[in-house]
Amino acid sequence: MPAAPIPVKLLEKPEPPGSNECCGSGSCCPCVWDYYREQLALWQQQQQQQQQQQQEQLQGSANPTVTNAQR
């Protein structure tokens, strides 16, 4: 029996920083834009993983495997 999937907290798509949140000097470390890009990359990765899992589940339910006990 396969292990139950571990629940993962779904990330919300990050909003880009507002015009008043960035000073525009380029000297802040990290810049609010750096943080935004990092969070966006994490969100995109999670979305890709979810899509892949959904496709695998659909393929698994469409093509059930035959076990030795069923033969």
Protein backbone atom coordinates (compact mmCIF):
# COMPACT_ATOMS: atom_id res chain seq x y z
CA MET A 1 0.00 0.00 0.00
CA PRO A 2 1.53 3.36 -1.01
CA ALA A 3 2.24 5.90 1.68
CA ALA A 4 -0.25 8.71 2.07
CA PRO A 5 0.95 11.98 0.56
CA ILE A 6 2.24 14.51 3.04
CA PRO A 7 -0.01 17.59 3.03
CA VAL A 8 1.76 20.65 1.68
CA LYS A 9 0.73 24.21 2.41
CA LEU A 10 -0.15 25.74 -0.91
CA LEU A 11 1.52 29.04 -1.56
CA GLU A 12 -0.46 31.98 -2.83
CA LYS A 13 0.88 33.66 -5.94
CA PRO A 14 3.00 36.57 -4.72
CA GLU A 15 2.08 40.09 -5.67
CA PRO A 16 4.80 42.31 -7.11
CA PRO A 17 5.98 45.08 -4.82
CA GLY A 18 4.06 48.32 -5.01
CA SER A 19 5.69 51.41 -6.44
CA ASN A 20 6.07 52.79 -2.92
CA GLU A 21 7.87 49.66 -1.63
CA CYS A 22 11.05 50.00 -3.69
CA CYS A 23 13.41 52.93 -3.34
CA GLY A 24 14.92 52.33 -6.79
CA SER A 25 18.48 52.92 -5.61
CA GLY A 26 19.61 49.35 -6.18
CA SER A 27 21.58 49.39 -2.93
CA CYS A 28 19.13 47.48 -0.70
CA CYS A 29 20.15 43.96 0.09
CA PRO A 30 17.89 42.18 -0.38
CA CYS A 31 15.70 44.36 -2.52
CA VAL A 32 11.94 43.84 -2.32
CA TRP A 33 12.18 42.73 -5.95
CA ASP A 34 14.73 40.04 -5.02
CA TYR A 35 12.33 38.70 -2.41
CA TYR A 36 9.42 38.84 -4.88
CA ARG A 37 11.35 36.93 -7.56
CA GLU A 38 12.39 34.29 -5.01
CA GLN A 39 8.81 33.81 -3.82
CA LEU A 40 7.52 33.73 -7.41
CA ALA A 41 10.04 31.02 -8.31
CA LEU A 42 8.91 28.93 -5.31
CA TRP A 43 5.26 29.39 -6.27
CA GLN A 44 5.95 28.41 -9.91
CA GLN A 45 7.84 25.32 -8.77
CA GLN A 46 4.96 24.30 -6.53
CA GLN A 47 2.48 24.82 -9.39
CA GLN A 48 4.55 22.61 -11.70
CA GLN A 49 4.75 19.88 -9.06
CA GLN A 50 0.99 20.01 -8.55
CA GLN A 51 0.33 19.74 -12.28
CA GLN A 52 2.70 16.80 -12.55
CA GLN A 53 1.04 15.02 -9.62
CA GLN A 54 -2.41 15.60 -11.11
CA GLN A 55 -1.28 14.21 -14.48
CA GLU A 56 0.22 11.16 -12.78
CA GLN A 57 -3.01 10.59 -10.84
CA LEU A 58 -5.08 10.90 -14.01
CA GLN A 59 -2.82 8.51 -15.87
CA GLY A 60 -2.89 6.08 -12.95
CA SER A 61 -6.69 6.07 -12.78
CA ALA A 62 -7.01 5.76 -16.56
CA ASN A 63 -4.52 2.89 -16.72
CA PRO A 64 -4.90 0.79 -13.58
CA THR A 65 -2.10 -1.69 -13.15
CA VAL A 66 -2.82 -5.38 -12.92
CA THR A 67 -1.26 -7.04 -9.90
CA ASN A 68 -0.23 -10.67 -9.67
CA ALA A 69 -3.17 -11.30 -7.32
CA GLN A 70 -5.60 -10.16 -10.03
CA ARG A 71 -4.25 -12.56 -12.65
